[in-house]
């Protein structure tokens, strides 16, 4: 259980806008310091397509990513990642070696749906 000083309020949680989207494109990012892909995700008509850089090369290939449903934080400010502007945070969990495994819904859900 988290320590009480690390607890957040429900109102704090509501400030983080986590949505479901579908990867529409991915390409290698050879200029990145650590192996990474450039990823474009469609978050539905309200938000549209956003791009990010993701260090997900261990478990995924650029050929297999399109069509994959994923979760992302869409209300962080854009961030420069090398020569690439990241517009959202792609969410994942570490495996036993610390490599990213994407957070994915296990059923088909509408694009843009908000996590609650």
Protein backbone atom coordinates (compact mmCIF):
# COMPACT_ATOMS: atom_id res chain seq x y z
CA UNK A 1 0.00 0.00 0.00
CA UNK A 2 1.36 3.46 -0.87
CA UNK A 3 2.49 5.60 2.02
CA UNK A 4 -0.13 8.19 3.07
CA UNK A 5 2.11 11.06 1.92
CA UNK A 6 1.99 9.57 -1.60
CA UNK A 7 -1.82 9.41 -1.76
CA UNK A 8 -3.60 11.63 -4.25
CA UNK A 9 -7.18 12.79 -4.26
CA UNK A 10 -9.74 11.58 -6.77
CA UNK A 11 -9.75 15.13 -8.13
CA UNK A 12 -6.00 14.78 -8.81
CA UNK A 13 -6.63 11.52 -10.70
CA UNK A 14 -9.35 13.19 -12.79
CA UNK A 15 -6.78 15.73 -14.04
CA UNK A 16 -4.87 12.97 -15.87
CA UNK A 17 -6.64 12.41 -19.19
CA UNK A 18 -5.94 8.78 -20.17
CA UNK A 19 -7.60 7.72 -23.42
CA UNK A 20 -7.69 4.65 -25.63
CA UNK A 21 -6.43 4.93 -29.18
CA UNK A 22 -5.43 2.77 -32.12
CA UNK A 23 -1.90 2.83 -33.51
CA UNK A 24 -2.18 3.93 -37.14
CA UNK A 25 1.52 4.11 -38.02
CA UNK A 26 4.95 3.33 -36.59
CA UNK A 27 8.47 3.74 -37.86
CA UNK A 28 11.96 3.28 -36.52
CA UNK A 29 13.64 6.23 -34.83
CA UNK A 30 17.34 5.69 -35.60
CA UNK A 31 18.35 9.11 -34.21
CA UNK A 32 17.09 8.25 -30.70
CA UNK A 33 19.71 7.74 -27.97
CA UNK A 34 18.07 4.44 -26.95
CA UNK A 35 16.23 2.14 -29.37
CA UNK A 36 12.78 3.62 -30.00
CA UNK A 37 9.94 3.91 -32.48
CA UNK A 38 7.95 6.90 -33.66
CA UNK A 39 4.29 6.03 -33.13
CA UNK A 40 1.09 7.73 -34.35
CA UNK A 41 -2.15 6.94 -32.49
CA UNK A 42 -5.73 7.84 -33.45
CA UNK A 43 -7.63 8.87 -30.31
CA UNK A 44 -10.94 9.33 -32.14
CA UNK A 45 -12.77 12.34 -33.57
CA UNK A 46 -12.53 14.54 -30.45
CA UNK A 47 -8.71 14.36 -30.17
CA UNK A 48 -7.48 13.01 -33.51
CA UNK A 49 -4.08 11.52 -34.29
CA UNK A 50 -1.19 12.29 -31.93
CA UNK A 51 2.45 11.19 -32.21
CA UNK A 52 5.05 10.09 -29.69
CA UNK A 53 8.40 8.39 -29.34
CA UNK A 54 8.39 5.09 -27.46
CA UNK A 55 11.10 2.71 -26.27
CA UNK A 56 9.09 -0.41 -27.09
CA UNK A 57 11.49 -2.14 -29.50
CA UNK A 58 12.05 -5.30 -27.41
CA UNK A 59 8.49 -6.68 -27.56
CA UNK A 60 7.13 -4.96 -30.68
CA UNK A 61 8.00 -4.36 -34.33
CA UNK A 62 6.88 -1.43 -36.49
CA UNK A 63 5.12 -3.90 -38.79
CA UNK A 64 2.99 -5.38 -35.98
CA UNK A 65 2.00 -2.16 -34.17
CA UNK A 66 -0.59 -0.66 -36.58
CA UNK A 67 -4.09 -1.65 -35.48
CA UNK A 68 -3.09 -2.14 -31.83
CA UNK A 69 -5.29 -0.53 -29.16
CA UNK A 70 -3.26 1.32 -26.52
CA UNK A 71 -3.65 3.74 -23.63
CA UNK A 72 -2.11 7.19 -23.55
CA UNK A 73 -2.03 10.36 -21.47
CA UNK A 74 -3.24 13.05 -23.87
CA UNK A 75 -3.14 16.17 -21.69
CA UNK A 76 0.59 16.51 -21.01
CA UNK A 77 2.31 19.37 -22.84
CA UNK A 78 4.23 18.39 -25.97
CA UNK A 79 7.85 17.43 -25.32
CA UNK A 80 10.85 17.51 -27.64
CA UNK A 81 12.46 14.04 -27.85
CA UNK A 82 15.61 14.57 -29.90
CA UNK A 83 14.43 15.87 -33.27
CA UNK A 84 10.88 14.57 -32.71
CA UNK A 85 8.01 16.34 -30.91
CA UNK A 86 6.09 13.96 -28.63
CA UNK A 87 2.41 14.93 -28.18
CA UNK A 88 1.26 12.31 -25.65
CA UNK A 89 2.59 9.64 -23.28
CA UNK A 90 2.13 6.05 -24.43
CA UNK A 91 1.47 3.88 -21.36
CA UNK A 92 3.06 0.57 -20.49
CA UNK A 93 4.42 -1.59 -17.70
CA UNK A 94 7.92 -3.01 -17.23
CA UNK A 95 8.55 -6.72 -17.75
CA UNK A 96 11.06 -8.64 -15.58
CA UNK A 97 13.98 -6.96 -17.38
CA UNK A 98 12.45 -3.46 -17.38
CA UNK A 99 11.35 -3.53 -21.03
CA UNK A 100 8.04 -1.85 -21.82
CA UNK A 101 4.88 -3.90 -22.34
CA UNK A 102 2.08 -1.70 -23.67
CA UNK A 103 -1.08 -1.10 -21.65
CA UNK A 104 -3.87 -2.46 -23.87
CA UNK A 105 -7.59 -3.07 -23.43
CA UNK A 106 -8.45 -6.75 -23.80
CA UNK A 107 -11.70 -5.97 -25.67
CA UNK A 108 -12.46 -3.69 -28.62
CA UNK A 109 -13.58 -0.30 -27.27
CA UNK A 110 -14.43 3.01 -28.99
CA UNK A 111 -11.45 5.24 -29.77
CA UNK A 112 -11.10 8.19 -27.43
CA UNK A 113 -12.75 6.47 -24.47
CA UNK A 114 -11.47 7.88 -21.19
CA UNK A 115 -10.05 5.68 -18.43
CA UNK A 116 -12.05 5.77 -15.22
